PDB file of N, CA and C in Angstrom:
ATOM      1  N   MET A   1     -26.061 -26.422 -11.256  1.00  0.00           N
ATOM      2  CA  MET A   1     -24.897 -26.388 -10.281  1.00  0.00           C
ATOM      3  C   MET A   1     -24.665 -25.058 -10.002  1.00  0.00           C
ATOM      4  N   ALA A   2     -24.247 -24.827  -8.713  1.00  0.00           N
ATOM      5  CA  ALA A   2     -23.990 -23.455  -8.186  1.00  0.00           C
ATOM      6  C   ALA A   2     -22.590 -23.096  -8.548  1.00  0.00           C
ATOM      7  N   ARG A   3     -22.422 -21.836  -8.928  1.00  0.00           N
ATOM      8  CA  ARG A   3     -21.025 -21.282  -9.210  1.00  0.00           C
ATOM      9  C   ARG A   3     -20.530 -20.795  -8.023  1.00  0.00           C
ATOM     10  N   LYS A   4     -19.215 -20.975  -7.842  1.00  0.00           N
ATOM     11  CA  LYS A   4     -18.510 -20.365  -6.660  1.00  0.00           C
ATOM     12  C   LYS A   4     -18.287 -18.893  -6.868  1.00  0.00           C
ATOM     13  N   LYS A   5     -18.432 -18.139  -5.932  1.00  0.00           N
ATOM     14  CA  LYS A   5     -18.142 -16.755  -6.043  1.00  0.00           C
ATOM     15  C   LYS A   5     -16.612 -16.567  -5.888  1.00  0.00           C
ATOM     16  N   LYS A   6     -15.952 -15.844  -6.766  1.00  0.00           N
ATOM     17  CA  LYS A   6     -14.507 -15.645  -6.751  1.00  0.00           C
ATOM     18  C   LYS A   6     -14.322 -14.641  -5.651  1.00  0.00           C
ATOM     19  N   ALA A   7     -13.406 -14.898  -4.674  1.00  0.00           N
ATOM     20  CA  ALA A   7     -12.989 -14.060  -3.654  1.00  0.00           C
ATOM     21  C   ALA A   7     -12.050 -12.949  -4.247  1.00  0.00           C
ATOM     22  N   LYS A   8     -12.343 -11.715  -3.841  1.00  0.00           N
ATOM     23  CA  LYS A   8     -11.399 -10.639  -4.229  1.00  0.00           C
ATOM     24  C   LYS A   8     -10.129 -10.589  -3.435  1.00  0.00           C
ATOM     25  N   GLN A   9      -9.112 -10.344  -3.997  1.00  0.00           N
ATOM     26  CA  GLN A   9      -7.822 -10.249  -3.263  1.00  0.00           C
ATOM     27  C   GLN A   9      -7.731  -8.757  -2.699  1.00  0.00           C
ATOM     28  N   ILE A  10      -7.495  -8.619  -1.457  1.00  0.00           N
ATOM     29  CA  ILE A  10      -7.331  -7.276  -0.773  1.00  0.00           C
ATOM     30  C   ILE A  10      -5.914  -6.984  -0.681  1.00  0.00           C
ATOM     31  N   PHE A  11      -5.543  -5.787  -1.087  1.00  0.00           N
ATOM     32  CA  PHE A  11      -4.123  -5.291  -0.822  1.00  0.00           C
ATOM     33  C   PHE A  11      -4.120  -4.163   0.169  1.00  0.00           C
ATOM     34  N   ARG A  12      -3.263  -4.115   1.029  1.00  0.00           N
ATOM     35  CA  ARG A  12      -3.160  -3.108   2.203  1.00  0.00           C
ATOM     36  C   ARG A  12      -1.985  -2.281   1.835  1.00  0.00           C
ATOM     37  N   TYR A  13      -2.111  -0.988   1.931  1.00  0.00           N
ATOM     38  CA  TYR A  13      -0.914  -0.037   1.738  1.00  0.00           C
ATOM     39  C   TYR A  13      -0.990   1.052   2.828  1.00  0.00           C
ATOM     40  N   ASP A  14       0.171   1.506   3.161  1.00  0.00           N
ATOM     41  CA  ASP A  14       0.378   2.697   4.092  1.00  0.00           C
ATOM     42  C   ASP A  14       0.735   3.886   3.408  1.00  0.00           C
ATOM     43  N   CYS A  15       0.114   4.991   3.869  1.00  0.00           N
ATOM     44  CA  CYS A  15       0.470   6.327   3.357  1.00  0.00           C
ATOM     45  C   CYS A  15       1.851   6.567   3.808  1.00  0.00           C
ATOM     46  N   THR A  16       2.640   7.034   3.033  1.00  0.00           N
ATOM     47  CA  THR A  16       4.086   7.407   3.305  1.00  0.00           C
ATOM     48  C   THR A  16       4.203   8.712   4.287  1.00  0.00           C
ATOM     49  N   MET A  17       3.156   9.523   4.177  1.00  0.00           N
ATOM     50  CA  MET A  17       3.199  10.782   4.901  1.00  0.00           C
ATOM     51  C   MET A  17       2.447  10.638   6.329  1.00  0.00           C
ATOM     52  N   THR A  18       1.239  10.193   6.276  1.00  0.00           N
ATOM     53  CA  THR A  18       0.409  10.183   7.452  1.00  0.00           C
ATOM     54  C   THR A  18       0.455   8.784   8.173  1.00  0.00           C
ATOM     55  N   GLY A  19       0.901   7.785   7.520  1.00  0.00           N
ATOM     56  CA  GLY A  19       1.074   6.421   8.153  1.00  0.00           C
ATOM     57  C   GLY A  19      -0.344   5.726   8.162  1.00  0.00           C
ATOM     58  N   ASP A  20      -1.387   6.204   7.536  1.00  0.00           N
ATOM     59  CA  ASP A  20      -2.698   5.694   7.557  1.00  0.00           C
ATOM     60  C   ASP A  20      -2.670   4.364   6.752  1.00  0.00           C
ATOM     61  N   THR A  21      -3.412   3.380   7.014  1.00  0.00           N
ATOM     62  CA  THR A  21      -3.498   2.319   6.380  1.00  0.00           C
ATOM     63  C   THR A  21      -4.728   2.196   5.448  1.00  0.00           C
ATOM     64  N   TYR A  22      -4.574   1.823   4.072  1.00  0.00           N
ATOM     65  CA  TYR A  22      -5.666   1.745   3.219  1.00  0.00           C
ATOM     66  C   TYR A  22      -5.718   0.437   2.543  1.00  0.00           C
ATOM     67  N   LYS A  23      -6.946  -0.061   2.217  1.00  0.00           N
ATOM     68  CA  LYS A  23      -6.991  -1.304   1.385  1.00  0.00           C
ATOM     69  C   LYS A  23      -7.728  -1.022   0.147  1.00  0.00           C
ATOM     70  N   THR A  24      -7.287  -1.762  -0.816  1.00  0.00           N
ATOM     71  CA  THR A  24      -7.806  -1.728  -2.216  1.00  0.00           C
ATOM     72  C   THR A  24      -7.843  -3.131  -2.788  1.00  0.00           C
ATOM     73  N   THR A  25      -8.553  -3.268  -3.967  1.00  0.00           N
ATOM     74  CA  THR A  25      -8.601  -4.529  -4.620  1.00  0.00           C
ATOM     75  C   THR A  25      -7.628  -4.593  -5.745  1.00  0.00           C
ATOM     76  N   LYS A  26      -7.027  -3.428  -6.085  1.00  0.00           N
ATOM     77  CA  LYS A  26      -5.954  -3.422  -7.158  1.00  0.00           C
ATOM     78  C   LYS A  26      -4.630  -3.294  -6.585  1.00  0.00           C
ATOM     79  N   LYS A  27      -3.768  -4.078  -7.191  1.00  0.00           N
ATOM     80  CA  LYS A  27      -2.406  -3.967  -6.810  1.00  0.00           C
ATOM     81  C   LYS A  27      -1.622  -2.789  -7.310  1.00  0.00           C
ATOM     82  N   ALA A  28      -0.906  -2.070  -6.570  1.00  0.00           N
ATOM     83  CA  ALA A  28      -0.236  -0.815  -6.887  1.00  0.00           C
ATOM     84  C   ALA A  28       1.111  -1.169  -7.508  1.00  0.00           C
ATOM     85  N   ASP A  29       1.491  -0.425  -8.617  1.00  0.00           N
ATOM     86  CA  ASP A  29       2.745  -0.664  -9.324  1.00  0.00           C
ATOM     87  C   ASP A  29       3.838  -0.142  -8.326  1.00  0.00           C
ATOM     88  N   ASN A  30       3.697   0.982  -7.733  1.00  0.00           N
ATOM     89  CA  ASN A  30       4.825   1.616  -6.869  1.00  0.00           C
ATOM     90  C   ASN A  30       4.136   1.884  -5.438  1.00  0.00           C
ATOM     91  N   PRO A  31       4.098   0.892  -4.593  1.00  0.00           N
ATOM     92  CA  PRO A  31       3.384   1.101  -3.289  1.00  0.00           C
ATOM     93  C   PRO A  31       4.136   2.063  -2.335  1.00  0.00           C
ATOM     94  N   ASP A  32       5.526   2.288  -2.664  1.00  0.00           N
ATOM     95  CA  ASP A  32       6.179   3.267  -1.803  1.00  0.00           C
ATOM     96  C   ASP A  32       5.827   4.698  -2.154  1.00  0.00           C
ATOM     97  N   ASP A  33       5.222   4.967  -3.324  1.00  0.00           N
ATOM     98  CA  ASP A  33       4.859   6.258  -3.726  1.00  0.00           C
ATOM     99  C   ASP A  33       3.455   6.662  -3.363  1.00  0.00           C
ATOM    100  N   LEU A  34       2.703   5.773  -2.711  1.00  0.00           N
ATOM    101  CA  LEU A  34       1.316   6.105  -2.428  1.00  0.00           C
ATOM    102  C   LEU A  34       1.154   7.115  -1.226  1.00  0.00           C
ATOM    103  N   VAL A  35       0.314   8.084  -1.439  1.00  0.00           N
ATOM    104  CA  VAL A  35      -0.088   9.002  -0.364  1.00  0.00           C
ATOM    105  C   VAL A  35      -1.617   9.073  -0.292  1.00  0.00           C
ATOM    106  N   SER A  36      -2.088   9.408   0.776  1.00  0.00           N
ATOM    107  CA  SER A  36      -3.535   9.570   1.043  1.00  0.00           C
ATOM    108  C   SER A  36      -4.010  10.890   0.327  1.00  0.00           C
ATOM    109  N   VAL A  37      -5.306  11.074   0.168  1.00  0.00           N
ATOM    110  CA  VAL A  37      -5.809  12.184  -0.492  1.00  0.00           C
ATOM    111  C   VAL A  37      -5.546  13.532   0.327  1.00  0.00           C
ATOM    112  N   GLN A  38      -5.604  13.371   1.687  1.00  0.00           N
ATOM    113  CA  GLN A  38      -5.339  14.507   2.496  1.00  0.00           C
ATOM    114  C   GLN A  38      -3.822  14.942   2.340  1.00  0.00           C
ATOM    115  N   ALA A  39      -2.920  13.970   2.302  1.00  0.00           N
ATOM    116  CA  ALA A  39      -1.500  14.220   2.056  1.00  0.00           C
ATOM    117  C   ALA A  39      -1.255  14.914   0.786  1.00  0.00           C
ATOM    118  N   TYR A  40      -2.013  14.361  -0.323  1.00  0.00           N
ATOM    119  CA  TYR A  40      -1.700  14.881  -1.613  1.00  0.00           C
ATOM    120  C   TYR A  40      -2.145  16.394  -1.639  1.00  0.00           C
ATOM    121  N   TYR A  41      -3.283  16.712  -1.047  1.00  0.00           N
ATOM    122  CA  TYR A  41      -3.703  18.137  -1.033  1.00  0.00           C
ATOM    123  C   TYR A  41      -2.904  18.959  -0.195  1.00  0.00           C
ATOM    124  N   GLU A  42      -2.239  18.409   0.762  1.00  0.00           N
ATOM    125  CA  GLU A  42      -1.279  19.182   1.649  1.00  0.00           C
ATOM    126  C   GLU A  42       0.053  19.509   0.751  1.00  0.00           C
ATOM    127  N   LEU A  43       0.404  18.497  -0.078  1.00  0.00           N
ATOM    128  CA  LEU A  43       1.536  18.788  -0.889  1.00  0.00           C
ATOM    129  C   LEU A  43       1.321  19.750  -2.025  1.00  0.00           C
ATOM    130  N   ASN A  44      -0.021  19.618  -2.603  1.00  0.00           N
ATOM    131  CA  ASN A  44      -0.312  20.367  -3.733  1.00  0.00           C
ATOM    132  C   ASN A  44      -1.597  21.255  -3.412  1.00  0.00           C
ATOM    133  N   PRO A  45      -1.448  22.300  -2.626  1.00  0.00           N
ATOM    134  CA  PRO A  45      -2.655  23.081  -2.269  1.00  0.00           C
ATOM    135  C   PRO A  45      -3.327  23.720  -3.408  1.00  0.00           C
ATOM    136  N   GLU A  46      -2.491  24.064  -4.481  1.00  0.00           N
ATOM    137  CA  GLU A  46      -3.139  24.740  -5.672  1.00  0.00           C
ATOM    138  C   GLU A  46      -4.056  23.919  -6.445  1.00  0.00           C
ATOM    139  N   GLU A  47      -3.995  22.579  -6.247  1.00  0.00           N
ATOM    140  CA  GLU A  47      -4.874  21.685  -7.048  1.00  0.00           C
ATOM    141  C   GLU A  47      -5.995  21.276  -6.141  1.00  0.00           C
ATOM    142  N   ASP A  48      -6.196  21.857  -4.980  1.00  0.00           N
ATOM    143  CA  ASP A  48      -7.334  21.431  -4.133  1.00  0.00           C
ATOM    144  C   ASP A  48      -8.674  22.050  -4.620  1.00  0.00           C
ATOM    145  N   ASP A  49      -9.372  21.223  -5.265  1.00  0.00           N
ATOM    146  CA  ASP A  49     -10.649  21.676  -5.961  1.00  0.00           C
ATOM    147  C   ASP A  49     -11.919  21.138  -5.295  1.00  0.00           C
ATOM    148  N   ARG A  50     -11.669  20.801  -3.965  1.00  0.00           N
ATOM    149  CA  ARG A  50     -12.838  20.284  -3.223  1.00  0.00           C
ATOM    150  C   ARG A  50     -13.832  21.444  -2.872  1.00  0.00           C
ATOM    151  N   PRO A  51     -15.072  21.211  -2.833  1.00  0.00           N
ATOM    152  CA  PRO A  51     -16.028  22.234  -2.478  1.00  0.00           C
ATOM    153  C   PRO A  51     -15.747  22.817  -1.076  1.00  0.00           C
ATOM    154  N   GLU A  52     -16.144  24.181  -1.029  1.00  0.00           N
ATOM    155  CA  GLU A  52     -15.876  24.803   0.287  1.00  0.00           C
ATOM    156  C   GLU A  52     -16.616  24.052   1.510  1.00  0.00           C
ATOM    157  N   ARG A  53     -17.669  23.505   1.383  1.00  0.00           N
ATOM    158  CA  ARG A  53     -18.351  22.777   2.518  1.00  0.00           C
ATOM    159  C   ARG A  53     -17.523  21.538   3.006  1.00  0.00           C
ATOM    160  N   ILE A  54     -16.853  20.977   2.072  1.00  0.00           N
ATOM    161  CA  ILE A  54     -16.051  19.854   2.369  1.00  0.00           C
ATOM    162  C   ILE A  54     -14.789  20.356   3.235  1.00  0.00           C
ATOM    163  N   LYS A  55     -14.186  21.412   2.684  1.00  0.00           N
ATOM    164  CA  LYS A  55     -13.030  21.962   3.369  1.00  0.00           C
ATOM    165  C   LYS A  55     -13.399  22.405   4.724  1.00  0.00           C
ATOM    166  N   LYS A  56     -14.615  22.976   4.907  1.00  0.00           N
ATOM    167  CA  LYS A  56     -15.120  23.494   6.179  1.00  0.00           C
ATOM    168  C   LYS A  56     -15.323  22.318   7.096  1.00  0.00           C
ATOM    169  N   GLU A  57     -15.817  21.195   6.662  1.00  0.00           N
ATOM    170  CA  GLU A  57     -15.994  20.028   7.511  1.00  0.00           C
ATOM    171  C   GLU A  57     -14.747  19.347   7.996  1.00  0.00           C
ATOM    172  N   LEU A  58     -13.818  19.458   7.127  1.00  0.00           N
ATOM    173  CA  LEU A  58     -12.332  19.009   7.539  1.00  0.00           C
ATOM    174  C   LEU A  58     -11.522  19.942   8.336  1.00  0.00           C
ATOM    175  N   GLY A  59     -12.083  21.231   8.396  1.00  0.00           N
ATOM    176  CA  GLY A  59     -11.411  22.214   9.195  1.00  0.00           C
ATOM    177  C   GLY A  59     -10.139  22.837   8.475  1.00  0.00           C
ATOM    178  N   ILE A  60     -10.181  22.791   7.160  1.00  0.00           N
ATOM    179  CA  ILE A  60      -9.047  23.377   6.324  1.00  0.00           C
ATOM    180  C   ILE A  60      -9.326  24.842   6.041  1.00  0.00           C
ATOM    181  N   ASP A  61      -8.241  25.575   6.282  1.00  0.00           N
ATOM    182  CA  ASP A  61      -8.365  27.020   6.045  1.00  0.00           C
ATOM    183  C   ASP A  61      -8.303  27.336   4.579  1.00  0.00           C
ATOM    184  N   SER A  62      -9.227  28.039   4.022  1.00  0.00           N
ATOM    185  CA  SER A  62      -9.295  28.371   2.665  1.00  0.00           C
ATOM    186  C   SER A  62      -8.797  29.835   2.474  1.00  0.00           C
ATOM    187  N   GLU A  63      -7.891  30.088   1.721  1.00  0.00           N
ATOM    188  CA  GLU A  63      -7.348  31.370   1.506  1.00  0.00           C
ATOM    189  C   GLU A  63      -7.985  32.136   0.381  1.00  0.00           C
TER     190      GLU A  63
END
């Protein structure tokens, strides 16, 4: 007998800063506090540990 594949539930969330919509398979505890990666690094530039080539591709000024 064939087993049915369980359908994953998709959750959609909006970034509070950029307004972008993201989807994930995990439910967020505080969806109002979610921000995108780009918005997080804008808020915390000292924690931006991305490689220089990625920053260059995104057009981010590195000081």
